[in-house]
PDB file of all heavy atoms in Angstrom:
ATOM      1  N   ALA A   1      74.092  88.929 103.732  1.00  0.00           N
ATOM      2  CA  ALA A   1      73.102  88.835 104.903  1.00  0.00           C
ATOM      3  C   ALA A   1      73.485  89.899 105.939  1.00  0.00           C
ATOM      4  O   ALA A   1      74.677  90.186 106.139  1.00  0.00           O
ATOM      5  CB  ALA A   1      73.183  87.445 105.491  1.00  0.00           C
ATOM      6  N   GLN A   2      72.470  90.464 106.506  1.00  0.00           N
ATOM      7  CA  GLN A   2      72.618  91.449 107.585  1.00  0.00           C
ATOM      8  C   GLN A   2      71.740  91.092 108.776  1.00  0.00           C
ATOM      9  O   GLN A   2      70.613  90.872 108.644  1.00  0.00           O
ATOM     10  CB  GLN A   2      72.209  92.862 106.991  1.00  0.00           C
ATOM     11  CG  GLN A   2      72.265  93.953 108.015  1.00  0.00           C
ATOM     12  CD  GLN A   2      73.733  94.328 108.405  1.00  0.00           C
ATOM     13  OE1 GLN A   2      74.516  94.686 107.601  1.00  0.00           O
ATOM     14  NE2 GLN A   2      74.036  94.175 109.722  1.00  0.00           N
ATOM     15  N   VAL A   3      72.377  91.029 109.934  1.00  0.00           N
ATOM     16  CA  VAL A   3      71.708  90.775 111.199  1.00  0.00           C
ATOM     17  C   VAL A   3      71.208  92.089 111.716  1.00  0.00           C
ATOM     18  O   VAL A   3      71.910  93.080 111.782  1.00  0.00           O
ATOM     19  CB  VAL A   3      72.625  90.029 112.172  1.00  0.00           C
ATOM     20  CG1 VAL A   3      71.817  89.755 113.485  1.00  0.00           C
ATOM     21  CG2 VAL A   3      73.158  88.705 111.569  1.00  0.00           C
ATOM     22  N   TYR A   4      69.957  92.065 112.240  1.00  0.00           N
ATOM     23  CA  TYR A   4      69.350  93.293 112.698  1.00  0.00           C
ATOM     24  C   TYR A   4      70.081  93.849 113.924  1.00  0.00           C
ATOM     25  O   TYR A   4      70.468  93.093 114.836  1.00  0.00           O
ATOM     26  CB  TYR A   4      67.889  93.053 113.063  1.00  0.00           C
ATOM     27  CG  TYR A   4      67.246  94.221 113.756  1.00  0.00           C
ATOM     28  CD1 TYR A   4      66.884  95.301 113.036  1.00  0.00           C
ATOM     29  CD2 TYR A   4      67.050  94.240 115.113  1.00  0.00           C
ATOM     30  CE1 TYR A   4      66.246  96.437 113.662  1.00  0.00           C
ATOM     31  CE2 TYR A   4      66.494  95.309 115.744  1.00  0.00           C
ATOM     32  CZ  TYR A   4      66.123  96.414 114.975  1.00  0.00           C
ATOM     33  OH  TYR A   4      65.535  97.494 115.603  1.00  0.00           O
ATOM     34  N   ARG A   5      70.321  95.134 113.880  1.00  0.00           N
ATOM     35  CA  ARG A   5      70.842  95.880 115.081  1.00  0.00           C
ATOM     36  C   ARG A   5      69.919  97.131 115.183  1.00  0.00           C
ATOM     37  O   ARG A   5      69.492  97.717 114.178  1.00  0.00           O
ATOM     38  CB  ARG A   5      72.230  96.289 114.860  1.00  0.00           C
ATOM     39  CG  ARG A   5      73.257  95.129 114.568  1.00  0.00           C
ATOM     40  CD  ARG A   5      74.678  95.619 114.652  1.00  0.00           C
ATOM     41  NE  ARG A   5      74.905  96.717 113.784  1.00  0.00           N
ATOM     42  CZ  ARG A   5      75.274  96.613 112.509  1.00  0.00           C
ATOM     43  NH1 ARG A   5      75.374  95.446 111.923  1.00  0.00           N
ATOM     44  NH2 ARG A   5      75.482  97.673 111.731  1.00  0.00           N
ATOM     45  N   PRO A   6      69.742  97.611 116.399  1.00  0.00           N
ATOM     46  CA  PRO A   6      68.886  98.776 116.551  1.00  0.00           C
ATOM     47  C   PRO A   6      69.256  99.955 115.748  1.00  0.00           C
ATOM     48  O   PRO A   6      68.432 100.728 115.296  1.00  0.00           O
ATOM     49  CB  PRO A   6      68.984  99.069 118.065  1.00  0.00           C
ATOM     50  CG  PRO A   6      69.298  97.743 118.680  1.00  0.00           C
ATOM     51  CD  PRO A   6      70.193  97.077 117.672  1.00  0.00           C
ATOM     52  N   GLU A   7      70.584 100.172 115.552  1.00  0.00           N
ATOM     53  CA  GLU A   7      71.008 101.385 114.854  1.00  0.00           C
ATOM     54  C   GLU A   7      70.650 101.295 113.317  1.00  0.00           C
ATOM     55  O   GLU A   7      70.679 102.347 112.629  1.00  0.00           O
ATOM     56  CB  GLU A   7      72.527 101.637 114.943  1.00  0.00           C
ATOM     57  CG  GLU A   7      73.438 100.393 114.593  1.00  0.00           C
ATOM     58  CD  GLU A   7      73.751  99.509 115.698  1.00  0.00           C
ATOM     59  OE1 GLU A   7      72.961  99.480 116.700  1.00  0.00           O
ATOM     60  OE2 GLU A   7      74.748  98.827 115.654  1.00  0.00           O
ATOM     61  N   LEU A   8      70.352 100.116 112.845  1.00  0.00           N
ATOM     62  CA  LEU A   8      70.003  99.986 111.435  1.00  0.00           C
ATOM     63  C   LEU A   8      68.684 100.617 111.187  1.00  0.00           C
ATOM     64  O   LEU A   8      68.397 101.086 110.033  1.00  0.00           O
ATOM     65  CB  LEU A   8      69.931  98.530 110.979  1.00  0.00           C
ATOM     66  CG  LEU A   8      71.209  97.725 110.953  1.00  0.00           C
ATOM     67  CD1 LEU A   8      70.947  96.265 110.559  1.00  0.00           C
ATOM     68  CD2 LEU A   8      72.132  98.365 109.913  1.00  0.00           C
ATOM     69  N   ARG A   9      67.817 100.664 112.146  1.00  0.00           N
ATOM     70  CA  ARG A   9      66.450 101.163 111.994  1.00  0.00           C
ATOM     71  C   ARG A   9      66.515 102.624 111.524  1.00  0.00           C
ATOM     72  O   ARG A   9      65.765 102.999 110.568  1.00  0.00           O
ATOM     73  CB  ARG A   9      65.677 101.033 113.253  1.00  0.00           C
ATOM     74  CG  ARG A   9      64.174 101.493 113.164  1.00  0.00           C
ATOM     75  CD  ARG A   9      63.484 101.331 114.523  1.00  0.00           C
ATOM     76  NE  ARG A   9      63.445  99.922 114.877  1.00  0.00           N
ATOM     77  CZ  ARG A   9      62.467  99.084 114.488  1.00  0.00           C
ATOM     78  NH1 ARG A   9      61.481  99.500 113.678  1.00  0.00           N
ATOM     79  NH2 ARG A   9      62.497  97.793 114.833  1.00  0.00           N
ATOM     80  N   GLU A  10      67.266 103.436 112.214  1.00  0.00           N
ATOM     81  CA  GLU A  10      67.350 104.860 111.838  1.00  0.00           C
ATOM     82  C   GLU A  10      67.921 105.040 110.426  1.00  0.00           C
ATOM     83  O   GLU A  10      67.393 105.884 109.637  1.00  0.00           O
ATOM     84  CB  GLU A  10      68.196 105.570 112.882  1.00  0.00           C
ATOM     85  CG  GLU A  10      68.233 107.145 112.603  1.00  0.00           C
ATOM     86  CD  GLU A  10      69.038 107.814 113.668  1.00  0.00           C
ATOM     87  OE1 GLU A  10      69.377 107.173 114.702  1.00  0.00           O
ATOM     88  OE2 GLU A  10      69.248 109.047 113.463  1.00  0.00           O
ATOM     89  N   ARG A  11      68.936 104.219 110.092  1.00  0.00           N
ATOM     90  CA  ARG A  11      69.598 104.380 108.813  1.00  0.00           C
ATOM     91  C   ARG A  11      68.618 103.959 107.671  1.00  0.00           C
ATOM     92  O   ARG A  11      68.549 104.668 106.649  1.00  0.00           O
ATOM     93  CB  ARG A  11      70.869 103.547 108.736  1.00  0.00           C
ATOM     94  CG  ARG A  11      71.703 103.769 107.485  1.00  0.00           C
ATOM     95  CD  ARG A  11      72.996 103.074 107.612  1.00  0.00           C
ATOM     96  NE  ARG A  11      72.864 101.614 107.391  1.00  0.00           N
ATOM     97  CZ  ARG A  11      73.826 100.729 107.556  1.00  0.00           C
ATOM     98  NH1 ARG A  11      74.991 101.124 108.049  1.00  0.00           N
ATOM     99  NH2 ARG A  11      73.639  99.485 107.266  1.00  0.00           N
ATOM    100  N   VAL A  12      67.936 102.861 107.855  1.00  0.00           N
ATOM    101  CA  VAL A  12      67.071 102.313 106.801  1.00  0.00           C
ATOM    102  C   VAL A  12      65.857 103.210 106.666  1.00  0.00           C
ATOM    103  O   VAL A  12      65.457 103.548 105.556  1.00  0.00           O
ATOM    104  CB  VAL A  12      66.709 100.857 107.041  1.00  0.00           C
ATOM    105  CG1 VAL A  12      65.637 100.395 106.123  1.00  0.00           C
ATOM    106  CG2 VAL A  12      67.933  99.984 106.942  1.00  0.00           C
ATOM    107  N   LEU A  13      65.269 103.487 107.812  1.00  0.00           N
ATOM    108  CA  LEU A  13      64.056 104.330 107.720  1.00  0.00           C
ATOM    109  C   LEU A  13      64.400 105.730 107.182  1.00  0.00           C
ATOM    110  O   LEU A  13      63.527 106.360 106.530  1.00  0.00           O
ATOM    111  CB  LEU A  13      63.428 104.485 109.154  1.00  0.00           C
ATOM    112  CG  LEU A  13      62.831 103.116 109.659  1.00  0.00           C
ATOM    113  CD1 LEU A  13      62.220 103.390 111.030  1.00  0.00           C
ATOM    114  CD2 LEU A  13      61.886 102.521 108.752  1.00  0.00           C
ATOM    115  N   GLY A  14      65.606 106.206 107.515  1.00  0.00           N
ATOM    116  CA  GLY A  14      66.038 107.472 106.897  1.00  0.00           C
ATOM    117  C   GLY A  14      66.086 107.353 105.390  1.00  0.00           C
ATOM    118  O   GLY A  14      65.747 108.308 104.663  1.00  0.00           O
ATOM    119  N   GLY A  15      66.615 106.207 104.928  1.00  0.00           N
ATOM    120  CA  GLY A  15      66.732 106.022 103.448  1.00  0.00           C
ATOM    121  C   GLY A  15      65.350 105.989 102.863  1.00  0.00           C
ATOM    122  O   GLY A  15      65.094 106.536 101.708  1.00  0.00           O
ATOM    123  N   LEU A  16      64.416 105.289 103.510  1.00  0.00           N
ATOM    124  CA  LEU A  16      63.043 105.205 102.989  1.00  0.00           C
ATOM    125  C   LEU A  16      62.385 106.590 102.958  1.00  0.00           C
ATOM    126  O   LEU A  16      61.638 106.973 102.022  1.00  0.00           O
ATOM    127  CB  LEU A  16      62.219 104.281 103.828  1.00  0.00           C
ATOM    128  CG  LEU A  16      62.629 102.784 103.753  1.00  0.00           C
ATOM    129  CD1 LEU A  16      61.760 101.955 104.696  1.00  0.00           C
ATOM    130  CD2 LEU A  16      62.524 102.255 102.338  1.00  0.00           C
ATOM    131  N   THR A  17      62.700 107.371 103.983  1.00  0.00           N
ATOM    132  CA  THR A  17      62.151 108.727 103.974  1.00  0.00           C
ATOM    133  C   THR A  17      62.738 109.545 102.831  1.00  0.00           C
ATOM    134  O   THR A  17      62.017 110.383 102.177  1.00  0.00           O
ATOM    135  CB  THR A  17      62.483 109.452 105.259  1.00  0.00           C
ATOM    136  OG1 THR A  17      61.954 108.676 106.422  1.00  0.00           O
ATOM    137  CG2 THR A  17      62.027 110.833 105.335  1.00  0.00           C
ATOM    138  N   MET A  18      64.021 109.365 102.589  1.00  0.00           N
ATOM    139  CA  MET A  18      64.645 110.073 101.475  1.00  0.00           C
ATOM    140  C   MET A  18      64.007 109.661 100.153  1.00  0.00           C
ATOM    141  O   MET A  18      63.830 110.468  99.217  1.00  0.00           O
ATOM    142  CB  MET A  18      66.150 109.806 101.475  1.00  0.00           C
ATOM    143  CG  MET A  18      66.921 110.601 100.454  1.00  0.00           C
ATOM    144  SD  MET A  18      68.734 110.522 100.693  1.00  0.00           S
ATOM    145  CE  MET A  18      68.936 111.478 102.201  1.00  0.00           C
ATOM    146  N   GLN A  19      63.694 108.340  99.964  1.00  0.00           N
ATOM    147  CA  GLN A  19      63.001 107.928  98.752  1.00  0.00           C
ATOM    148  C   GLN A  19      61.724 108.563  98.577  1.00  0.00           C
ATOM    149  O   GLN A  19      61.311 108.967  97.466  1.00  0.00           O
ATOM    150  CB  GLN A  19      62.888 106.359  98.758  1.00  0.00           C
ATOM    151  CG  GLN A  19      64.189 105.641  98.679  1.00  0.00           C
ATOM    152  CD  GLN A  19      63.976 104.113  98.730  1.00  0.00           C
ATOM    153  OE1 GLN A  19      62.907 103.635  98.438  1.00  0.00           O
ATOM    154  NE2 GLN A  19      65.013 103.334  99.106  1.00  0.00           N
ATOM    155  N   GLN A  20      60.941 108.665  99.636  1.00  0.00           N
ATOM    156  CA  GLN A  20      59.674 109.395  99.570  1.00  0.00           C
ATOM    157  C   GLN A  20      59.797 110.801  99.175  1.00  0.00           C
ATOM    158  O   GLN A  20      59.062 111.331  98.357  1.00  0.00           O
ATOM    159  CB  GLN A  20      58.950 109.225 100.875  1.00  0.00           C
ATOM    160  CG  GLN A  20      58.555 107.734 101.233  1.00  0.00           C
ATOM    161  CD  GLN A  20      57.953 107.629 102.666  1.00  0.00           C
ATOM    162  OE1 GLN A  20      57.937 108.611 103.415  1.00  0.00           O
ATOM    163  NE2 GLN A  20      57.554 106.407 102.984  1.00  0.00           N
ATOM    164  N   GLU A  21      60.809 111.457  99.715  1.00  0.00           N
ATOM    165  CA  GLU A  21      61.024 112.835  99.387  1.00  0.00           C
ATOM    166  C   GLU A  21      61.464 112.999  97.964  1.00  0.00           C
ATOM    167  O   GLU A  21      60.982 113.989  97.246  1.00  0.00           O
ATOM    168  CB  GLU A  21      62.094 113.483 100.335  1.00  0.00           C
ATOM    169  CG  GLU A  21      61.646 113.607 101.771  1.00  0.00           C
ATOM    170  CD  GLU A  21      62.783 114.032 102.709  1.00  0.00           C
ATOM    171  OE1 GLU A  21      63.931 113.844 102.410  1.00  0.00           O
ATOM    172  OE2 GLU A  21      62.456 114.545 103.834  1.00  0.00           O
ATOM    173  N   LEU A  22      62.304 112.119  97.508  1.00  0.00           N
ATOM    174  CA  LEU A  22      62.672 112.157  96.078  1.00  0.00           C
ATOM    175  C   LEU A  22      61.503 111.992  95.079  1.00  0.00           C
ATOM    176  O   LEU A  22      61.364 112.637  94.100  1.00  0.00           O
ATOM    177  CB  LEU A  22      63.754 111.105  95.783  1.00  0.00           C
ATOM    178  CG  LEU A  22      65.209 111.425  96.067  1.00  0.00           C
ATOM    179  CD1 LEU A  22      66.047 110.233  95.932  1.00  0.00           C
ATOM    180  CD2 LEU A  22      65.685 112.546  95.133  1.00  0.00           C
ATOM    181  N   ARG A  23      60.627 111.071  95.516  1.00  0.00           N
ATOM    182  CA  ARG A  23      59.421 110.821  94.721  1.00  0.00           C
ATOM    183  C   ARG A  23      58.564 112.059  94.601  1.00  0.00           C
ATOM    184  O   ARG A  23      58.087 112.467  93.523  1.00  0.00           O
ATOM    185  CB  ARG A  23      58.621 109.606  95.280  1.00  0.00           C
ATOM    186  CG  ARG A  23      57.345 109.319  94.439  1.00  0.00           C
ATOM    187  CD  ARG A  23      56.748 108.046  94.995  1.00  0.00           C
ATOM    188  NE  ARG A  23      57.496 106.858  94.586  1.00  0.00           N
ATOM    189  CZ  ARG A  23      58.238 106.130  95.409  1.00  0.00           C
ATOM    190  NH1 ARG A  23      58.321 106.497  96.725  1.00  0.00           N
ATOM    191  NH2 ARG A  23      58.920 105.056  94.973  1.00  0.00           N
ATOM    192  N   ARG A  24      58.361 112.697  95.738  1.00  0.00           N
ATOM    193  CA  ARG A  24      57.573 113.940  95.763  1.00  0.00           C
ATOM    194  C   ARG A  24      58.234 115.045  95.024  1.00  0.00           C
ATOM    195  O   ARG A  24      57.614 115.867  94.278  1.00  0.00           O
ATOM    196  CB  ARG A  24      57.300 114.394  97.182  1.00  0.00           C
ATOM    197  CG  ARG A  24      56.502 113.469  98.062  1.00  0.00           C
ATOM    198  CD  ARG A  24      56.360 113.910  99.470  1.00  0.00           C
ATOM    199  NE  ARG A  24      55.705 115.268  99.533  1.00  0.00           N
ATOM    200  CZ  ARG A  24      55.697 116.033 100.598  1.00  0.00           C
ATOM    201  NH1 ARG A  24      56.287 115.632 101.733  1.00  0.00           N
ATOM    202  NH2 ARG A  24      55.099 117.212 100.568  1.00  0.00           N
ATOM    203  N   LEU A  25      59.552 115.090  95.084  1.00  0.00           N
ATOM    204  CA  LEU A  25      60.341 116.138  94.409  1.00  0.00           C
ATOM    205  C   LEU A  25      60.242 115.971  92.867  1.00  0.00           C
ATOM    206  O   LEU A  25      59.959 116.878  92.119  1.00  0.00           O
ATOM    207  CB  LEU A  25      61.771 116.086  94.844  1.00  0.00           C
ATOM    208  CG  LEU A  25      62.806 117.100  94.231  1.00  0.00           C
ATOM    209  CD1 LEU A  25      62.314 118.488  94.372  1.00  0.00           C
ATOM    210  CD2 LEU A  25      64.134 116.876  94.748  1.00  0.00           C
ATOM    211  N   LEU A  26      60.449 114.713  92.417  1.00  0.00           N
ATOM    212  CA  LEU A  26      60.424 114.450  90.945  1.00  0.00           C
ATOM    213  C   LEU A  26      59.005 114.464  90.400  1.00  0.00           C
ATOM    214  O   LEU A  26      58.844 114.708  89.123  1.00  0.00           O
ATOM    215  CB  LEU A  26      61.120 113.115  90.653  1.00  0.00           C
ATOM    216  CG  LEU A  26      62.650 113.146  90.925  1.00  0.00           C
ATOM    217  CD1 LEU A  26      63.226 111.751  90.824  1.00  0.00           C
ATOM    218  CD2 LEU A  26      63.363 114.016  89.982  1.00  0.00           C
ATOM    219  N   LEU A  27      58.065 114.194  91.180  1.00  0.00           N
ATOM    220  CA  LEU A  27      56.698 114.218  90.699  1.00  0.00           C
ATOM    221  C   LEU A  27      56.025 115.590  90.970  1.00  0.00           C
ATOM    222  O   LEU A  27      54.833 115.780  90.754  1.00  0.00           O
ATOM    223  CB  LEU A  27      55.865 113.138  91.416  1.00  0.00           C
ATOM    224  CG  LEU A  27      56.252 111.680  91.108  1.00  0.00           C
ATOM    225  CD1 LEU A  27      55.401 110.746  91.898  1.00  0.00           C
ATOM    226  CD2 LEU A  27      56.169 111.431  89.608  1.00  0.00           C
ATOM    227  N   HIS A  28      56.810 116.565  91.455  1.00  0.00           N
ATOM    228  CA  HIS A  28      56.336 117.928  91.728  1.00  0.00           C
ATOM    229  C   HIS A  28      55.170 117.896  92.723  1.00  0.00           C
ATOM    230  O   HIS A  28      54.163 118.589  92.518  1.00  0.00           O
ATOM    231  CB  HIS A  28      55.903 118.569  90.417  1.00  0.00           C
ATOM    232  CG  HIS A  28      56.966 118.559  89.357  1.00  0.00           C
ATOM    233  ND1 HIS A  28      58.194 119.308  89.453  1.00  0.00           N
ATOM    234  CD2 HIS A  28      57.039 117.818  88.186  1.00  0.00           C
ATOM    235  CE1 HIS A  28      58.896 119.038  88.380  1.00  0.00           C
ATOM    236  NE2 HIS A  28      58.268 118.214  87.604  1.00  0.00           N
ATOM    237  N   ASP A  29      55.306 117.048  93.752  1.00  0.00           N
ATOM    238  CA  ASP A  29      54.260 116.915  94.743  1.00  0.00           C
ATOM    239  C   ASP A  29      54.705 117.447  96.091  1.00  0.00           C
ATOM    240  O   ASP A  29      54.480 116.853  97.128  1.00  0.00           O
ATOM    241  CB  ASP A  29      53.872 115.454  94.853  1.00  0.00           C
ATOM    242  CG  ASP A  29      52.670 115.269  95.724  1.00  0.00           C
ATOM    243  OD1 ASP A  29      51.835 116.188  95.908  1.00  0.00           O
ATOM    244  OD2 ASP A  29      52.545 114.174  96.348  1.00  0.00           O
ATOM    245  N   GLY A  30      55.428 118.563  96.095  1.00  0.00           N
ATOM    246  CA  GLY A  30      55.874 119.147  97.352  1.00  0.00           C
ATOM    247  C   GLY A  30      56.623 120.426  97.099  1.00  0.00           C
ATOM    248  O   GLY A  30      57.148 120.671  96.015  1.00  0.00           O
TER     249      GLY A  30
END
């Protein structure tokens, strides 16, 4: 379990951004 802290937002959203970039990279969409 993880309790929300403001600093988690940047880390998690950064990870989601990285997933989107990987998807575009592997699908040759960027």
